[in-house]
Every structure is written in C-alpha cells, then in structure tokens.
Amino acid sequence: MSLRSTLERTLPTAFHERLSQLLWPVWNTEQRRLRAPLRALLPTVLTFLLLAVLQTAIRARFEHPVRELLELTSIAVVLVGAVLLAARIIDRRPVRGFGLSFDRSWWHSFAVGGLVATATNGGALVVSLGAGWATFAGVMRGSGDLPFVPAMGLVFAYIAFAAAWEEFVVRGAMLTNLAEGADGFVSRWMAVGFAVAFSSLVFAFLHGGKITHVSQYGYYLIAGLILSGAYVLTGELALSIGFHVFYNFTQSAVFGLGHSQRTPELLAVDIVGPSRWVGEEGLVFVGFAVLGGLLLVAYIRWHDGVLEINDRVPTYTGR
C-alpha cells in the first residue's frame, strides 16, 4: 500500500483538502511532482551550490594535477546525480525527456555539433591571424607537469562534463519546465520564447565571473540563444552539447584563443589585437558564433526537413 493511499484512508477529508490547498503553490497533485518554477530552478541551484562547495574544498587541500582529477570527478558525479535526481524525484520524467536519448542518431548529431564548433573556431583563428591580431607562437605547449596528450585528455574531459552540466540544467531542465509550465496559459510560441529568453539570461549570469564589462554579457546571451535554438528545434541536447563541448575545447586547447581558461595548447597563439575584436567575448568570436548557429539551423533543416518547435520540449511525458 502506497503512502498516498494510506494517508487518504486515515486522514480526515477536510484536513486532506486543506493540506492540498496549502501545497498547491509548490505541488502538482495531478502529476504528483513539484510545480514548474521549482522543477526549473532546483537542478541549477542545488548543483551550482554543491559544485561551489566541492571545488572550494578541493582547491584548498590539493595541488595540480590531483586537484584537476578530483574536480573532474566531482563534476561528473554531480552531473550524473542531478540527471537521476531530476528524473526520479524532482521532475519525474524519463532521462530522454531532458533531450538525452543517447541513441545512434543522438551521437551523430553530437558529432555534427562538434564539427560545426571546430570549424567556427578555426575560422576565428584564420581571421585573427590574417588581420594581425594574433601571432603563431608554437605547437604543443602549456601541459605543465603532465605529458601533453594526457593533459589534453584531462582538459577535454573537464570541459565536456562542465558543458554537459550547463546544457542539462539550463536547457534540459530549466528551459523544458518553463516552456511546459507556460504552455496553455499563452501560445506555444510565446511559452517557448519566454523559456528560451529566461534560460539564456541565466546562462549569461552563470558566466558573470568572466565579465569585465556589462556589454560582454551580450556574447553569452547570443551563445545561450544559439544553444537553446538547437534544443527547441530538435527536442534533443545532442547538437547543443556537441557544439558547447567542442567550442570551448577547440577555442582554448586546440587553437589557443582562450583567455579565461588556462589549458595546454595544440597551437600556441599570442593575442596582440584589441580585446574589442579578439578578446574572448570580442566581435570576431561573436560573428563566428552566430555563423555556427546558422550552420546548426541549416543542418536541422536538412536533417528534419522542417524548422519548428519540437513537441517534446513543452510537453510532459511521465515516467
């Protein structure tokens, strides 16, 4: 006998109704799960706080390279734990309901997202070198105490788990639940548009530590819109995660264009141009990020034959 049926048998009807009224703002009795705003925010808030505590403790106690290995492990554990917790308790939807199907088609789209991101950063490098805003300084540098290949592998894994965490909490959990919660109160386009806008603002806020001027938030807002667009048009996080992972990795570790991330570099490049153009949030990167987004849209149009909101995004499918 379930706890719910036991309570229904033993508690007076009036008390049960009063309890339901009190819980209504936070609990959906019909679907037996939390309300949409809580489902949208809890995975982000809880995992962000947990990661902050873990990373602070690790960095205070350990040094390179053990520190990076422990941070990588903590991100991986928190990510997997967040997906399972959301699926089973907070959101009560299957893992694939967050855009994580992990089938053959999913991995194909993940690879496409990675290729587009690599080409995007390759184009930014060519323009930066051609304009004299960057100079070539060597190859395979900056691995520190580790051999170059293991160092690159560690950096890739770290970036991959961090980017996958961002995509899950901001797009898979937050955008999905905001769109689902607003759908029915407003038109589907408005519901998804609101979810995309709000989650993109949160995405930009999460990168506030890199910002030195308020105008630089625009770069992260554009990135959030690109990644959200790929998700709402496909109902899967494959393109978004693939693009996000390889964009971050190739920008810093392959093409040497990163500033906030200190990583080994396959191509070591010195940035000598104005930050307005070739800073990490410079106009060159903004332009190529937009181009990358257009390429993702073109791929979706070619692959699916149509550009429209995928029904899986604003629609709840229970476990």
C-alpha atoms as a PDB file:
ATOM      1  CA  MET A   1       0.000   0.000   0.000  1.00  0.00           C
ATOM      2  CA  SER A   2       1.418   3.393  -1.001  1.00  0.00           C
ATOM      3  CA  LEU A   3       1.937   6.270   1.435  1.00  0.00           C
ATOM      4  CA  ARG A   4      -0.563   8.346  -0.538  1.00  0.00           C
ATOM      5  CA  SER A   5      -3.354   5.741  -0.256  1.00  0.00           C
ATOM      6  CA  THR A   6      -2.621   5.253   3.447  1.00  0.00           C
ATOM      7  CA  LEU A   7      -2.936   8.988   4.101  1.00  0.00           C
ATOM      8  CA  GLU A   8      -6.155   9.160   2.103  1.00  0.00           C
ATOM      9  CA  ARG A   9      -7.648   6.372   4.235  1.00  0.00           C
ATOM     10  CA  THR A  10      -6.557   7.716   7.616  1.00  0.00           C
ATOM     11  CA  LEU A  11      -6.666  11.492   7.373  1.00  0.00           C
ATOM     12  CA  PRO A  12     -10.000  13.299   7.588  1.00  0.00           C
ATOM     13  CA  THR A  13     -11.266  14.564   4.242  1.00  0.00           C
ATOM     14  CA  ALA A  14     -11.333  18.194   5.384  1.00  0.00           C
ATOM     15  CA  PHE A  15      -7.732  18.015   6.585  1.00  0.00           C
ATOM     16  CA  HIS A  16      -6.652  16.356   3.352  1.00  0.00           C
ATOM     17  CA  GLU A  17      -8.318  19.082   1.303  1.00  0.00           C
ATOM     18  CA  ARG A  18      -6.730  21.787   3.452  1.00  0.00           C
ATOM     19  CA  LEU A  19      -3.326  20.174   3.050  1.00  0.00           C
ATOM     20  CA  SER A  20      -3.778  20.035  -0.729  1.00  0.00           C
ATOM     21  CA  GLN A  21      -4.640  23.741  -0.761  1.00  0.00           C
ATOM     22  CA  LEU A  22      -1.539  24.587   1.250  1.00  0.00           C
ATOM     23  CA  LEU A  23       0.685  22.515  -1.016  1.00  0.00           C
ATOM     24  CA  TRP A  24      -0.893  23.767  -4.253  1.00  0.00           C
ATOM     25  CA  PRO A  25       1.693  26.546  -4.892  1.00  0.00           C
ATOM     26  CA  VAL A  26       4.560  24.034  -4.834  1.00  0.00           C
ATOM     27  CA  TRP A  27       2.979  20.657  -5.610  1.00  0.00           C
ATOM     28  CA  ASN A  28       1.067  19.436  -8.659  1.00  0.00           C
ATOM     29  CA  THR A  29      -1.241  16.791  -7.197  1.00  0.00           C
ATOM     30  CA  GLU A  30      -2.418  15.583 -10.598  1.00  0.00           C
ATOM     31  CA  GLN A  31       1.087  14.843 -11.874  1.00  0.00           C
ATOM     32  CA  ARG A  32       2.461  14.145  -8.367  1.00  0.00           C
ATOM     33  CA  ARG A  33       5.514  16.364  -8.759  1.00  0.00           C
ATOM     34  CA  LEU A  34       6.756  19.864  -7.964  1.00  0.00           C
ATOM     35  CA  ARG A  35       5.450  22.903  -9.820  1.00  0.00           C
ATOM     36  CA  ALA A  36       7.242  24.065 -12.967  1.00  0.00           C
ATOM     37  CA  PRO A  37       9.216  27.004 -11.473  1.00  0.00           C
ATOM     38  CA  LEU A  38      10.707  24.743  -8.797  1.00  0.00           C
ATOM     39  CA  ARG A  39      11.431  21.977 -11.297  1.00  0.00           C
ATOM     40  CA  ALA A  40      13.147  24.549 -13.498  1.00  0.00           C
ATOM     41  CA  LEU A  41      15.344  26.131 -10.836  1.00  0.00           C
ATOM     42  CA  LEU A  42      16.180  23.389  -8.334  1.00  0.00           C
ATOM     43  CA  PRO A  43      18.651  21.394 -10.504  1.00  0.00           C
ATOM     44  CA  THR A  44      20.585  24.575 -11.317  1.00  0.00           C
ATOM     45  CA  VAL A  45      20.632  25.985  -7.785  1.00  0.00           C
ATOM     46  CA  LEU A  46      21.391  22.723  -5.990  1.00  0.00           C
ATOM     47  CA  THR A  47      24.145  21.565  -8.334  1.00  0.00           C
ATOM     48  CA  PHE A  48      25.708  25.036  -8.561  1.00  0.00           C
ATOM     49  CA  LEU A  49      25.941  25.285  -4.770  1.00  0.00           C
ATOM     50  CA  LEU A  50      27.234  21.721  -4.436  1.00  0.00           C
ATOM     51  CA  LEU A  51      29.906  22.257  -7.095  1.00  0.00           C
ATOM     52  CA  ALA A  52      30.968  25.527  -5.464  1.00  0.00           C
ATOM     53  CA  VAL A  53      31.409  23.797  -2.086  1.00  0.00           C
ATOM     54  CA  LEU A  54      33.267  20.822  -3.560  1.00  0.00           C
ATOM     55  CA  GLN A  55      35.604  22.894  -5.735  1.00  0.00           C
ATOM     56  CA  THR A  56      36.399  25.270  -2.869  1.00  0.00           C
ATOM     57  CA  ALA A  57      37.295  22.331  -0.618  1.00  0.00           C
ATOM     58  CA  ILE A  58      39.340  20.590  -3.313  1.00  0.00           C
ATOM     59  CA  ARG A  59      41.318  23.689  -4.292  1.00  0.00           C
ATOM     60  CA  ALA A  60      42.117  24.418  -0.659  1.00  0.00           C
ATOM     61  CA  ARG A  61      43.530  20.952   0.008  1.00  0.00           C
ATOM     62  CA  PHE A  62      45.052  19.643  -3.214  1.00  0.00           C
ATOM     63  CA  GLU A  63      47.533  20.788  -5.849  1.00  0.00           C
ATOM     64  CA  HIS A  64      47.965  20.131  -9.579  1.00  0.00           C
ATOM     65  CA  PRO A  65      47.427  17.543 -11.080  1.00  0.00           C
ATOM     66  CA  VAL A  66      45.447  15.767  -8.319  1.00  0.00           C
ATOM     67  CA  ARG A  67      43.256  18.864  -7.950  1.00  0.00           C
ATOM     68  CA  GLU A  68      42.062  18.715 -11.562  1.00  0.00           C
ATOM     69  CA  LEU A  69      41.328  14.994 -11.360  1.00  0.00           C
ATOM     70  CA  LEU A  70      39.247  15.472  -8.226  1.00  0.00           C
ATOM     71  CA  GLU A  71      37.401  18.450  -9.720  1.00  0.00           C
ATOM     72  CA  LEU A  72      36.660  16.398 -12.841  1.00  0.00           C
ATOM     73  CA  THR A  73      35.329  13.550 -10.710  1.00  0.00           C
ATOM     74  CA  SER A  74      33.148  15.921  -8.679  1.00  0.00           C
ATOM     75  CA  ILE A  75      31.619  17.474 -11.806  1.00  0.00           C
ATOM     76  CA  ALA A  76      30.918  14.036 -13.292  1.00  0.00           C
ATOM     77  CA  VAL A  77      29.294  12.757 -10.085  1.00  0.00           C
ATOM     78  CA  VAL A  78      27.196  15.905  -9.648  1.00  0.00           C
ATOM     79  CA  LEU A  79      26.066  15.790 -13.292  1.00  0.00           C
ATOM     80  CA  VAL A  80      25.004  12.132 -13.182  1.00  0.00           C
ATOM     81  CA  GLY A  81      23.404  12.636  -9.773  1.00  0.00           C
ATOM     82  CA  ALA A  82      21.479  15.691 -10.985  1.00  0.00           C
ATOM     83  CA  VAL A  83      20.091  13.837 -14.009  1.00  0.00           C
ATOM     84  CA  LEU A  84      18.971  10.866 -11.919  1.00  0.00           C
ATOM     85  CA  LEU A  85      17.573  13.029  -9.107  1.00  0.00           C
ATOM     86  CA  ALA A  86      15.619  15.193 -11.530  1.00  0.00           C
ATOM     87  CA  ALA A  87      14.322  12.201 -13.464  1.00  0.00           C
ATOM     88  CA  ARG A  88      13.187  10.231 -10.442  1.00  0.00           C
ATOM     89  CA  ILE A  89      12.179  12.806  -7.816  1.00  0.00           C
ATOM     90  CA  ILE A  90      12.107  16.445  -8.915  1.00  0.00           C
ATOM     91  CA  ASP A  91      10.757  16.137 -12.443  1.00  0.00           C
ATOM     92  CA  ARG A  92       9.501  12.551 -12.647  1.00  0.00           C
ATOM     93  CA  ARG A  93      10.197  12.183 -16.350  1.00  0.00           C
ATOM     94  CA  PRO A  94      12.446   9.712 -18.198  1.00  0.00           C
ATOM     95  CA  VAL A  95      16.042  10.763 -18.848  1.00  0.00           C
ATOM     96  CA  ARG A  96      15.306  11.007 -22.577  1.00  0.00           C
ATOM     97  CA  GLY A  97      12.692  13.619 -21.670  1.00  0.00           C
ATOM     98  CA  PHE A  98      15.557  16.020 -20.965  1.00  0.00           C
ATOM     99  CA  GLY A  99      16.894  15.636 -24.501  1.00  0.00           C
ATOM    100  CA  LEU A 100      19.250  12.804 -23.536  1.00  0.00           C
ATOM    101  CA  SER A 101      18.231   9.895 -25.741  1.00  0.00           C
ATOM    102  CA  PHE A 102      21.814   8.666 -26.290  1.00  0.00           C
ATOM    103  CA  ASP A 103      20.802   6.594 -29.306  1.00  0.00           C
ATOM    104  CA  ARG A 104      22.698   6.399 -32.601  1.00  0.00           C
ATOM    105  CA  SER A 105      21.004   9.481 -34.045  1.00  0.00           C
ATOM    106  CA  TRP A 106      21.797  11.425 -30.855  1.00  0.00           C
ATOM    107  CA  TRP A 107      25.513  10.696 -31.120  1.00  0.00           C
ATOM    108  CA  HIS A 108      25.500  11.550 -34.822  1.00  0.00           C
ATOM    109  CA  SER A 109      24.058  14.983 -34.024  1.00  0.00           C
ATOM    110  CA  PHE A 110      26.551  15.378 -31.184  1.00  0.00           C
ATOM    111  CA  ALA A 111      29.373  14.826 -33.672  1.00  0.00           C
ATOM    112  CA  VAL A 112      27.864  17.335 -36.105  1.00  0.00           C
ATOM    113  CA  GLY A 113      27.682  19.930 -33.338  1.00  0.00           C
ATOM    114  CA  GLY A 114      31.340  19.273 -32.553  1.00  0.00           C
ATOM    115  CA  LEU A 115      32.391  19.651 -36.189  1.00  0.00           C
ATOM    116  CA  VAL A 116      30.498  22.932 -36.558  1.00  0.00           C
ATOM    117  CA  ALA A 117      32.074  24.288 -33.370  1.00  0.00           C
ATOM    118  CA  THR A 118      35.568  23.280 -34.520  1.00  0.00           C
ATOM    119  CA  ALA A 119      35.055  24.942 -37.903  1.00  0.00           C
ATOM    120  CA  THR A 120      33.701  28.041 -36.160  1.00  0.00           C
ATOM    121  CA  ASN A 121      36.814  28.472 -34.011  1.00  0.00           C
ATOM    122  CA  GLY A 122      39.066  27.574 -36.935  1.00  0.00           C
ATOM    123  CA  GLY A 123      37.528  30.453 -38.876  1.00  0.00           C
ATOM    124  CA  ALA A 124      38.069  32.815 -35.940  1.00  0.00           C
ATOM    125  CA  LEU A 125      41.736  31.794 -35.808  1.00  0.00           C
ATOM    126  CA  VAL A 126      42.242  32.379 -39.538  1.00  0.00           C
ATOM    127  CA  VAL A 127      40.681  35.848 -39.353  1.00  0.00           C
ATOM    128  CA  SER A 128      42.671  36.764 -36.224  1.00  0.00           C
ATOM    129  CA  LEU A 129      45.958  35.694 -37.811  1.00  0.00           C
ATOM    130  CA  GLY A 130      45.119  37.317 -41.138  1.00  0.00           C
ATOM    131  CA  ALA A 131      44.253  40.638 -39.500  1.00  0.00           C
ATOM    132  CA  GLY A 132      47.450  40.642 -37.446  1.00  0.00           C
ATOM    133  CA  TRP A 133      45.505  40.402 -34.186  1.00  0.00           C
ATOM    134  CA  ALA A 134      47.152  37.086 -33.294  1.00  0.00           C
ATOM    135  CA  THR A 135      50.600  35.636 -33.896  1.00  0.00           C
ATOM    136  CA  PHE A 136      51.615  31.994 -34.085  1.00  0.00           C
ATOM    137  CA  ALA A 137      53.962  31.030 -31.218  1.00  0.00           C
ATOM    138  CA  GLY A 138      54.470  27.255 -31.491  1.00  0.00           C
ATOM    139  CA  VAL A 139      52.813  23.886 -31.013  1.00  0.00           C
ATOM    140  CA  MET A 140      52.015  21.569 -28.101  1.00  0.00           C
ATOM    141  CA  ARG A 141      52.693  23.936 -25.230  1.00  0.00           C
ATOM    142  CA  GLY A 142      51.477  24.532 -21.706  1.00  0.00           C
ATOM    143  CA  SER A 143      50.856  20.995 -20.462  1.00  0.00           C
ATOM    144  CA  GLY A 144      52.739  21.635 -17.230  1.00  0.00           C
ATOM    145  CA  ASP A 145      53.757  18.599 -15.180  1.00  0.00           C
ATOM    146  CA  LEU A 146      51.788  16.159 -17.336  1.00  0.00           C
ATOM    147  CA  PRO A 147      52.724  14.812 -20.780  1.00  0.00           C
ATOM    148  CA  PHE A 148      50.882  16.713 -23.493  1.00  0.00           C
ATOM    149  CA  VAL A 149      48.416  14.009 -24.598  1.00  0.00           C
ATOM    150  CA  PRO A 150      47.187  13.072 -21.075  1.00  0.00           C
ATOM    151  CA  ALA A 151      46.929  16.781 -20.248  1.00  0.00           C
ATOM    152  CA  MET A 152      44.756  17.348 -23.316  1.00  0.00           C
ATOM    153  CA  GLY A 153      42.612  14.350 -22.395  1.00  0.00           C
ATOM    154  CA  LEU A 154      42.098  15.675 -18.877  1.00  0.00           C
ATOM    155  CA  VAL A 155      41.155  19.124 -20.187  1.00  0.00           C
ATOM    156  CA  PHE A 156      38.717  17.646 -22.708  1.00  0.00           C
ATOM    157  CA  ALA A 157      37.006  15.535 -20.047  1.00  0.00           C
ATOM    158  CA  TYR A 158      36.781  18.509 -17.675  1.00  0.00           C
ATOM    159  CA  ILE A 159      35.292  20.778 -20.352  1.00  0.00           C
ATOM    160  CA  ALA A 160      32.950  18.038 -21.576  1.00  0.00           C
ATOM    161  CA  PHE A 161      31.405  17.362 -18.172  1.00  0.00           C
ATOM    162  CA  ALA A 162      31.171  21.071 -17.306  1.00  0.00           C
ATOM    163  CA  ALA A 163      29.473  21.900 -20.630  1.00  0.00           C
ATOM    164  CA  ALA A 164      27.134  18.899 -20.352  1.00  0.00           C
ATOM    165  CA  TRP A 165      26.173  20.059 -16.836  1.00  0.00           C
ATOM    166  CA  GLU A 166      25.343  23.547 -18.142  1.00  0.00           C
ATOM    167  CA  GLU A 167      23.288  22.134 -21.001  1.00  0.00           C
ATOM    168  CA  PHE A 168      21.344  19.801 -18.738  1.00  0.00           C
ATOM    169  CA  VAL A 169      20.478  22.312 -16.014  1.00  0.00           C
ATOM    170  CA  VAL A 170      19.877  25.341 -18.277  1.00  0.00           C
ATOM    171  CA  ARG A 171      18.318  23.736 -21.338  1.00  0.00           C
ATOM    172  CA  GLY A 172      17.231  20.191 -20.419  1.00  0.00           C
ATOM    173  CA  ALA A 173      15.705  21.034 -17.029  1.00  0.00           C
ATOM    174  CA  MET A 174      15.098  24.791 -16.901  1.00  0.00           C
ATOM    175  CA  LEU A 175      14.005  25.596 -20.455  1.00  0.00           C
ATOM    176  CA  THR A 176      11.901  22.439 -20.702  1.00  0.00           C
ATOM    177  CA  ASN A 177       9.974  23.055 -17.499  1.00  0.00           C
ATOM    178  CA  LEU A 178       9.468  26.775 -18.100  1.00  0.00           C
ATOM    179  CA  ALA A 179       8.088  26.053 -21.573  1.00  0.00           C
ATOM    180  CA  GLU A 180       5.879  23.256 -20.254  1.00  0.00           C
ATOM    181  CA  GLY A 181       4.623  25.368 -17.360  1.00  0.00           C
ATOM    182  CA  ALA A 182       3.766  28.371 -19.558  1.00  0.00           C
ATOM    183  CA  ASP A 183       2.229  26.305 -22.365  1.00  0.00           C
ATOM    184  CA  GLY A 184      -1.552  26.528 -22.107  1.00  0.00           C
ATOM    185  CA  PHE A 185      -1.506  29.904 -20.386  1.00  0.00           C
ATOM    186  CA  VAL A 186      -0.037  31.513 -23.507  1.00  0.00           C
ATOM    187  CA  SER A 187       0.549  30.246 -27.033  1.00  0.00           C
ATOM    188  CA  ARG A 188       3.202  27.600 -27.540  1.00  0.00           C
ATOM    189  CA  TRP A 189       5.468  30.048 -29.374  1.00  0.00           C
ATOM    190  CA  MET A 190       5.230  32.524 -26.507  1.00  0.00           C
ATOM    191  CA  ALA A 191       5.801  29.816 -23.897  1.00  0.00           C
ATOM    192  CA  VAL A 192       8.928  28.523 -25.612  1.00  0.00           C
ATOM    193  CA  GLY A 193      10.123  32.052 -26.377  1.00  0.00           C
ATOM    194  CA  PHE A 194       9.835  33.005 -22.713  1.00  0.00           C
ATOM    195  CA  ALA A 195      11.684  29.823 -21.677  1.00  0.00           C
ATOM    196  CA  VAL A 196      14.466  30.470 -24.189  1.00  0.00           C
ATOM    197  CA  ALA A 197      14.862  34.104 -23.093  1.00  0.00           C
ATOM    198  CA  PHE A 198      14.870  33.365 -19.352  1.00  0.00           C
ATOM    199  CA  SER A 199      17.225  30.387 -19.580  1.00  0.00           C
ATOM    200  CA  SER A 200      19.595  32.388 -21.804  1.00  0.00           C
ATOM    201  CA  LEU A 201      19.704  35.149 -19.188  1.00  0.00           C
ATOM    202  CA  VAL A 202      20.554  32.578 -16.522  1.00  0.00           C
ATOM    203  CA  PHE A 203      23.206  31.102 -18.820  1.00  0.00           C
ATOM    204  CA  ALA A 204      24.801  34.553 -19.223  1.00  0.00           C
ATOM    205  CA  PHE A 205      24.635  35.133 -15.462  1.00  0.00           C
ATOM    206  CA  LEU A 206      26.466  31.852 -14.800  1.00  0.00           C
ATOM    207  CA  HIS A 207      29.394  33.235 -16.833  1.00  0.00           C
ATOM    208  CA  GLY A 208      29.492  36.511 -14.926  1.00  0.00           C
ATOM    209  CA  GLY A 209      32.897  35.632 -13.464  1.00  0.00           C
ATOM    210  CA  LYS A 210      34.444  36.138 -16.910  1.00  0.00           C
ATOM    211  CA  ILE A 211      32.807  39.516 -17.497  1.00  0.00           C
ATOM    212  CA  THR A 212      34.824  42.733 -17.189  1.00  0.00           C
ATOM    213  CA  HIS A 213      32.232  44.989 -18.851  1.00  0.00           C
ATOM    214  CA  VAL A 214      28.442  44.692 -18.937  1.00  0.00           C
ATOM    215  CA  SER A 215      28.441  44.705 -22.764  1.00  0.00           C
ATOM    216  CA  GLN A 216      30.226  41.340 -22.721  1.00  0.00           C
ATOM    217  CA  TYR A 217      27.067  39.697 -21.426  1.00  0.00           C
ATOM    218  CA  GLY A 218      25.803  40.032 -24.987  1.00  0.00           C
ATOM    219  CA  TYR A 219      28.202  37.328 -26.158  1.00  0.00           C
ATOM    220  CA  TYR A 220      26.818  34.836 -23.645  1.00  0.00           C
ATOM    221  CA  LEU A 221      23.242  35.821 -24.378  1.00  0.00           C
ATOM    222  CA  ILE A 222      23.864  35.097 -28.067  1.00  0.00           C
ATOM    223  CA  ALA A 223      25.507  31.784 -27.158  1.00  0.00           C
ATOM    224  CA  GLY A 224      22.517  30.911 -24.977  1.00  0.00           C
ATOM    225  CA  LEU A 225      20.091  31.679 -27.803  1.00  0.00           C
ATOM    226  CA  ILE A 226      22.101  29.536 -30.237  1.00  0.00           C
ATOM    227  CA  LEU A 227      22.262  26.549 -27.903  1.00  0.00           C
ATOM    228  CA  SER A 228      18.605  26.931 -26.911  1.00  0.00           C
ATOM    229  CA  GLY A 229      17.549  27.186 -30.544  1.00  0.00           C
ATOM    230  CA  ALA A 230      19.243  23.896 -31.394  1.00  0.00           C
ATOM    231  CA  TYR A 231      17.429  22.252 -28.485  1.00  0.00           C
ATOM    232  CA  VAL A 232      13.907  23.552 -29.116  1.00  0.00           C
ATOM    233  CA  LEU A 233      14.092  22.709 -32.830  1.00  0.00           C
ATOM    234  CA  THR A 234      15.200  19.111 -32.238  1.00  0.00           C
ATOM    235  CA  GLY A 235      13.968  18.157 -28.762  1.00  0.00           C
ATOM    236  CA  GLU A 236      17.446  16.756 -28.099  1.00  0.00           C
ATOM    237  CA  LEU A 237      20.529  18.172 -26.400  1.00  0.00           C
ATOM    238  CA  ALA A 238      22.888  16.400 -28.802  1.00  0.00           C
ATOM    239  CA  LEU A 239      23.677  19.393 -31.034  1.00  0.00           C
ATOM    240  CA  SER A 240      23.834  21.768 -28.078  1.00  0.00           C
ATOM    241  CA  ILE A 241      26.178  19.607 -26.022  1.00  0.00           C
ATOM    242  CA  GLY A 242      28.361  18.731 -29.020  1.00  0.00           C
ATOM    243  CA  PHE A 243      28.686  22.382 -30.066  1.00  0.00           C
ATOM    244  CA  HIS A 244      29.253  23.591 -26.486  1.00  0.00           C
ATOM    245  CA  VAL A 245      31.895  20.984 -25.631  1.00  0.00           C
ATOM    246  CA  PHE A 246      33.950  21.355 -28.793  1.00  0.00           C
ATOM    247  CA  TYR A 247      33.554  25.130 -28.949  1.00  0.00           C
ATOM    248  CA  ASN A 248      35.114  25.515 -25.506  1.00  0.00           C
ATOM    249  CA  PHE A 249      37.733  22.829 -26.105  1.00  0.00           C
ATOM    250  CA  THR A 250      38.921  23.880 -29.561  1.00  0.00           C
ATOM    251  CA  GLN A 251      38.908  27.583 -28.732  1.00  0.00           C
ATOM    252  CA  SER A 252      41.355  27.164 -25.864  1.00  0.00           C
ATOM    253  CA  ALA A 253      43.142  23.814 -26.146  1.00  0.00           C
ATOM    254  CA  VAL A 254      43.346  23.389 -29.928  1.00  0.00           C
ATOM    255  CA  PHE A 255      43.529  26.897 -31.409  1.00  0.00           C
ATOM    256  CA  GLY A 256      44.978  28.762 -28.423  1.00  0.00           C
ATOM    257  CA  LEU A 257      42.375  31.533 -28.461  1.00  0.00           C
ATOM    258  CA  GLY A 258      41.107  31.235 -24.902  1.00  0.00           C
ATOM    259  CA  HIS A 259      41.953  33.658 -22.120  1.00  0.00           C
ATOM    260  CA  SER A 260      39.870  32.698 -19.085  1.00  0.00           C
ATOM    261  CA  GLN A 261      40.784  29.009 -19.432  1.00  0.00           C
ATOM    262  CA  ARG A 262      44.456  28.145 -18.905  1.00  0.00           C
ATOM    263  CA  THR A 263      44.917  24.912 -20.815  1.00  0.00           C
ATOM    264  CA  PRO A 264      47.571  23.116 -22.840  1.00  0.00           C
ATOM    265  CA  GLU A 265      47.508  24.357 -26.432  1.00  0.00           C
ATOM    266  CA  LEU A 266      47.987  22.338 -29.589  1.00  0.00           C
ATOM    267  CA  LEU A 267      48.528  25.596 -31.469  1.00  0.00           C
ATOM    268  CA  ALA A 268      50.042  28.254 -29.211  1.00  0.00           C
ATOM    269  CA  VAL A 269      48.845  31.711 -30.235  1.00  0.00           C
ATOM    270  CA  ASP A 270      49.612  35.126 -28.774  1.00  0.00           C
ATOM    271  CA  ILE A 271      46.671  37.536 -28.876  1.00  0.00           C
ATOM    272  CA  VAL A 272      48.012  41.004 -29.721  1.00  0.00           C
ATOM    273  CA  GLY A 273      44.941  42.708 -31.175  1.00  0.00           C
ATOM    274  CA  PRO A 274      42.317  44.857 -29.422  1.00  0.00           C
ATOM    275  CA  SER A 275      40.063  42.992 -26.982  1.00  0.00           C
ATOM    276  CA  ARG A 276      37.043  44.538 -28.704  1.00  0.00           C
ATOM    277  CA  TRP A 277      37.784  42.323 -31.706  1.00  0.00           C
ATOM    278  CA  VAL A 278      39.718  39.306 -30.445  1.00  0.00           C
ATOM    279  CA  GLY A 279      39.006  39.118 -26.742  1.00  0.00           C
ATOM    280  CA  GLU A 280      37.170  36.009 -25.610  1.00  0.00           C
ATOM    281  CA  GLU A 281      33.948  37.991 -25.987  1.00  0.00           C
ATOM    282  CA  GLY A 282      35.245  40.023 -28.958  1.00  0.00           C
ATOM    283  CA  LEU A 283      33.359  40.729 -32.170  1.00  0.00           C
ATOM    284  CA  VAL A 284      35.278  38.098 -34.141  1.00  0.00           C
ATOM    285  CA  PHE A 285      34.069  35.384 -31.784  1.00  0.00           C
ATOM    286  CA  VAL A 286      30.555  36.822 -31.717  1.00  0.00           C
ATOM    287  CA  GLY A 287      30.398  36.816 -35.510  1.00  0.00           C
ATOM    288  CA  PHE A 288      31.649  33.268 -35.867  1.00  0.00           C
ATOM    289  CA  ALA A 289      29.389  32.052 -33.050  1.00  0.00           C
ATOM    290  CA  VAL A 290      26.402  33.444 -34.962  1.00  0.00           C
ATOM    291  CA  LEU A 291      27.689  31.749 -38.124  1.00  0.00           C
ATOM    292  CA  GLY A 292      27.975  28.488 -36.183  1.00  0.00           C
ATOM    293  CA  GLY A 293      24.374  28.885 -35.038  1.00  0.00           C
ATOM    294  CA  LEU A 294      23.217  29.392 -38.620  1.00  0.00           C
ATOM    295  CA  LEU A 295      25.072  26.241 -39.659  1.00  0.00           C
ATOM    296  CA  LEU A 296      23.308  24.293 -36.907  1.00  0.00           C
ATOM    297  CA  VAL A 297      19.947  25.590 -38.130  1.00  0.00           C
ATOM    298  CA  ALA A 298      20.859  24.623 -41.713  1.00  0.00           C
ATOM    299  CA  TYR A 299      21.741  21.112 -40.544  1.00  0.00           C
ATOM    300  CA  ILE A 300      18.439  20.782 -38.665  1.00  0.00           C
ATOM    301  CA  ARG A 301      16.553  21.940 -41.768  1.00  0.00           C
ATOM    302  CA  TRP A 302      18.402  19.406 -43.922  1.00  0.00           C
ATOM    303  CA  HIS A 303      18.089  16.564 -41.402  1.00  0.00           C
ATOM    304  CA  ASP A 304      14.462  17.071 -40.308  1.00  0.00           C
ATOM    305  CA  GLY A 305      13.099  18.741 -43.434  1.00  0.00           C
ATOM    306  CA  VAL A 306      11.374  21.442 -41.375  1.00  0.00           C
ATOM    307  CA  LEU A 307      12.122  24.120 -38.788  1.00  0.00           C
ATOM    308  CA  GLU A 308       9.567  24.103 -35.986  1.00  0.00           C
ATOM    309  CA  ILE A 309       9.333  23.725 -32.232  1.00  0.00           C
ATOM    310  CA  ASN A 310       9.726  20.083 -31.313  1.00  0.00           C
ATOM    311  CA  ASP A 311       6.697  18.861 -29.349  1.00  0.00           C
ATOM    312  CA  ARG A 312       8.898  17.104 -26.807  1.00  0.00           C
ATOM    313  CA  VAL A 313      10.150  20.404 -25.383  1.00  0.00           C
ATOM    314  CA  PRO A 314       6.897  21.875 -23.946  1.00  0.00           C
ATOM    315  CA  THR A 315       5.084  18.524 -23.486  1.00  0.00           C
ATOM    316  CA  TYR A 316       5.311  16.415 -20.325  1.00  0.00           C
ATOM    317  CA  THR A 317       5.706  12.666 -20.692  1.00  0.00           C
ATOM    318  CA  GLY A 318       5.575  10.970 -17.322  1.00  0.00           C
ATOM    319  CA  ARG A 319       7.769   8.116 -16.203  1.00  0.00           C
END
